[in-house]
Amino acid sequence: MTEYFTGIPVNHTQTEFERSLAEAKRKRDLFLENNRSIIARLDSEDLVFAPYGNGIIVPIIKLSYYKK
């Protein structure tokens, strides 16, 4: 199974980027906490930066796991 967790679209400034990445991590952590009982093991985790236009990017965490 694969889940995607996105941050908020931001420009390339460090402060906004860190906030956006923290949001994606918060969503991932909440998912893991709420679905602990159905996850057998984590397979992989990738961090992708998707262009959104006009210098805006969106951090995306791609989390793959095996169900019980």
N, C-alpha and C. Protein backbone atom coordinates (compact mmCIF):
# COMPACT_ATOMS: atom_id res chain seq x y z
N MET A 1 0.84 -1.17 0.00
CA MET A 1 0.00 0.00 0.00
C MET A 1 0.90 1.24 0.00
N THR A 2 0.40 2.32 -0.57
CA THR A 2 1.15 3.57 -0.62
C THR A 2 0.24 4.73 -0.22
N GLU A 3 0.75 5.60 0.60
CA GLU A 3 0.03 6.80 1.02
C GLU A 3 0.91 8.01 0.69
N TYR A 4 0.27 9.14 0.40
CA TYR A 4 0.99 10.38 0.11
C TYR A 4 0.56 11.45 1.11
N PHE A 5 1.53 12.20 1.60
CA PHE A 5 1.29 13.26 2.58
C PHE A 5 1.91 14.53 2.06
N THR A 6 1.10 15.57 1.88
CA THR A 6 1.59 16.81 1.28
C THR A 6 1.69 17.92 2.30
N GLY A 7 2.65 18.78 2.07
CA GLY A 7 2.75 20.03 2.81
C GLY A 7 1.94 21.08 2.07
N ILE A 8 2.04 22.30 2.53
CA ILE A 8 1.33 23.38 1.85
C ILE A 8 2.22 23.95 0.73
N PRO A 9 1.65 24.41 -0.37
CA PRO A 9 2.45 24.99 -1.43
C PRO A 9 3.19 26.24 -0.93
N VAL A 10 4.50 26.31 -1.18
CA VAL A 10 5.32 27.43 -0.71
C VAL A 10 6.32 27.83 -1.78
N ASN A 11 6.89 29.03 -1.58
CA ASN A 11 7.99 29.42 -2.45
C ASN A 11 9.28 28.85 -1.85
N HIS A 12 10.40 29.23 -2.36
CA HIS A 12 11.65 28.58 -1.98
C HIS A 12 12.33 29.17 -0.74
N THR A 13 11.65 29.97 0.05
CA THR A 13 12.30 30.50 1.25
C THR A 13 12.40 29.40 2.30
N GLN A 14 13.48 29.41 3.03
CA GLN A 14 13.77 28.35 4.00
C GLN A 14 12.70 28.22 5.07
N THR A 15 12.25 29.32 5.63
CA THR A 15 11.28 29.27 6.71
C THR A 15 9.96 28.66 6.26
N GLU A 16 9.45 29.10 5.12
CA GLU A 16 8.19 28.56 4.61
C GLU A 16 8.34 27.10 4.24
N PHE A 17 9.49 26.77 3.64
CA PHE A 17 9.72 25.38 3.26
C PHE A 17 9.74 24.47 4.48
N GLU A 18 10.43 24.88 5.54
CA GLU A 18 10.51 24.07 6.75
C GLU A 18 9.12 23.87 7.35
N ARG A 19 8.30 24.90 7.35
CA ARG A 19 6.94 24.81 7.86
C ARG A 19 6.11 23.83 7.03
N SER A 20 6.26 23.90 5.72
CA SER A 20 5.50 23.03 4.83
C SER A 20 5.93 21.57 5.00
N LEU A 21 7.22 21.34 5.10
CA LEU A 21 7.72 19.98 5.30
C LEU A 21 7.26 19.44 6.66
N ALA A 22 7.25 20.28 7.67
CA ALA A 22 6.77 19.87 9.00
C ALA A 22 5.30 19.45 8.93
N GLU A 23 4.51 20.14 8.11
CA GLU A 23 3.09 19.79 7.94
C GLU A 23 2.94 18.41 7.31
N ALA A 24 3.74 18.12 6.29
CA ALA A 24 3.70 16.80 5.65
C ALA A 24 4.12 15.72 6.65
N LYS A 25 5.14 16.00 7.46
CA LYS A 25 5.59 15.02 8.47
C LYS A 25 4.52 14.81 9.53
N ARG A 26 3.83 15.87 9.91
CA ARG A 26 2.77 15.76 10.91
C ARG A 26 1.65 14.86 10.40
N LYS A 27 1.28 15.03 9.12
CA LYS A 27 0.24 14.20 8.52
C LYS A 27 0.68 12.74 8.48
N ARG A 28 1.94 12.50 8.10
CA ARG A 28 2.47 11.13 8.06
C ARG A 28 2.44 10.50 9.44
N ASP A 29 2.93 11.22 10.44
CA ASP A 29 2.98 10.70 11.81
C ASP A 29 1.59 10.39 12.35
N LEU A 30 0.63 11.24 12.04
CA LEU A 30 -0.75 11.01 12.47
C LEU A 30 -1.32 9.77 11.81
N PHE A 31 -1.04 9.59 10.51
CA PHE A 31 -1.49 8.40 9.80
C PHE A 31 -0.89 7.15 10.44
N LEU A 32 0.40 7.16 10.71
CA LEU A 32 1.05 6.00 11.31
C LEU A 32 0.48 5.68 12.69
N GLU A 33 0.23 6.70 13.46
CA GLU A 33 -0.33 6.51 14.80
C GLU A 33 -1.74 5.92 14.73
N ASN A 34 -2.56 6.44 13.83
CA ASN A 34 -3.95 6.00 13.73
C ASN A 34 -4.11 4.65 13.05
N ASN A 35 -3.11 4.20 12.30
CA ASN A 35 -3.23 2.96 11.54
C ASN A 35 -2.21 1.90 11.96
N ARG A 36 -1.68 2.05 13.14
CA ARG A 36 -0.68 1.12 13.67
C ARG A 36 -1.16 -0.33 13.61
N SER A 37 -2.43 -0.54 13.85
CA SER A 37 -2.97 -1.90 13.93
C SER A 37 -3.06 -2.60 12.56
N ILE A 38 -3.04 -1.86 11.47
CA ILE A 38 -3.15 -2.49 10.15
C ILE A 38 -1.83 -2.53 9.38
N ILE A 39 -0.78 -1.91 9.92
CA ILE A 39 0.50 -1.86 9.23
C ILE A 39 1.41 -2.96 9.76
N ALA A 40 1.82 -3.88 8.88
CA ALA A 40 2.73 -4.95 9.27
C ALA A 40 4.16 -4.43 9.34
N ARG A 41 4.58 -3.71 8.29
CA ARG A 41 5.91 -3.10 8.28
C ARG A 41 5.99 -2.04 7.21
N LEU A 42 6.89 -1.10 7.41
CA LEU A 42 7.12 -0.05 6.42
C LEU A 42 8.08 -0.57 5.37
N ASP A 43 7.81 -0.24 4.13
CA ASP A 43 8.65 -0.67 3.02
C ASP A 43 9.63 0.42 2.62
N SER A 44 9.11 1.63 2.37
CA SER A 44 9.99 2.73 1.96
C SER A 44 9.31 4.06 2.22
N GLU A 45 10.14 5.09 2.24
CA GLU A 45 9.65 6.46 2.39
C GLU A 45 10.50 7.35 1.49
N ASP A 46 9.83 8.11 0.64
CA ASP A 46 10.53 9.02 -0.28
C ASP A 46 10.00 10.43 -0.09
N LEU A 47 10.88 11.38 -0.28
CA LEU A 47 10.52 12.79 -0.23
C LEU A 47 10.67 13.37 -1.63
N VAL A 48 9.57 13.94 -2.13
CA VAL A 48 9.54 14.49 -3.49
C VAL A 48 9.12 15.95 -3.39
N PHE A 49 9.67 16.78 -4.26
CA PHE A 49 9.28 18.18 -4.32
C PHE A 49 8.60 18.42 -5.67
N ALA A 50 7.30 18.63 -5.64
CA ALA A 50 6.54 18.80 -6.87
C ALA A 50 6.40 20.28 -7.20
N PRO A 51 6.71 20.67 -8.44
CA PRO A 51 6.51 22.07 -8.84
C PRO A 51 5.03 22.39 -8.92
N TYR A 52 4.67 23.57 -8.48
CA TYR A 52 3.27 23.99 -8.44
C TYR A 52 3.04 25.20 -9.35
N GLY A 53 4.12 25.75 -9.91
CA GLY A 53 4.03 26.90 -10.80
C GLY A 53 4.51 28.18 -10.14
N ASN A 54 5.09 29.08 -10.93
CA ASN A 54 5.58 30.39 -10.45
C ASN A 54 6.53 30.28 -9.26
N GLY A 55 7.43 29.30 -9.30
CA GLY A 55 8.42 29.16 -8.23
C GLY A 55 7.88 28.54 -6.96
N ILE A 56 6.68 28.01 -7.02
CA ILE A 56 6.06 27.38 -5.86
C ILE A 56 6.31 25.87 -5.92
N ILE A 57 6.60 25.28 -4.76
CA ILE A 57 6.79 23.83 -4.68
C ILE A 57 5.92 23.26 -3.56
N VAL A 58 5.68 21.95 -3.66
CA VAL A 58 4.92 21.24 -2.64
C VAL A 58 5.73 20.01 -2.23
N PRO A 59 6.13 19.93 -0.96
CA PRO A 59 6.80 18.71 -0.51
C PRO A 59 5.78 17.58 -0.36
N ILE A 60 6.15 16.40 -0.84
CA ILE A 60 5.28 15.23 -0.76
C ILE A 60 6.08 14.07 -0.18
N ILE A 61 5.54 13.47 0.86
CA ILE A 61 6.14 12.27 1.43
C ILE A 61 5.37 11.08 0.89
N LYS A 62 6.08 10.16 0.25
CA LYS A 62 5.46 8.94 -0.28
C LYS A 62 5.87 7.81 0.66
N LEU A 63 4.89 7.19 1.31
CA LEU A 63 5.13 6.15 2.30
C LEU A 63 4.53 4.84 1.80
N SER A 64 5.36 3.83 1.65
CA SER A 64 4.88 2.51 1.22
C SER A 64 4.99 1.55 2.39
N TYR A 65 3.96 0.72 2.55
CA TYR A 65 3.94 -0.20 3.68
C TYR A 65 3.18 -1.47 3.31
N TYR A 66 3.35 -2.49 4.13
CA TYR A 66 2.63 -3.74 3.97
C TYR A 66 1.55 -3.82 5.05
N LYS A 67 0.36 -4.24 4.62
CA LYS A 67 -0.73 -4.42 5.58
C LYS A 67 -0.61 -5.78 6.26
N LYS A 68 -1.17 -5.87 7.45
CA LYS A 68 -1.20 -7.13 8.18
C LYS A 68 -2.16 -8.09 7.52
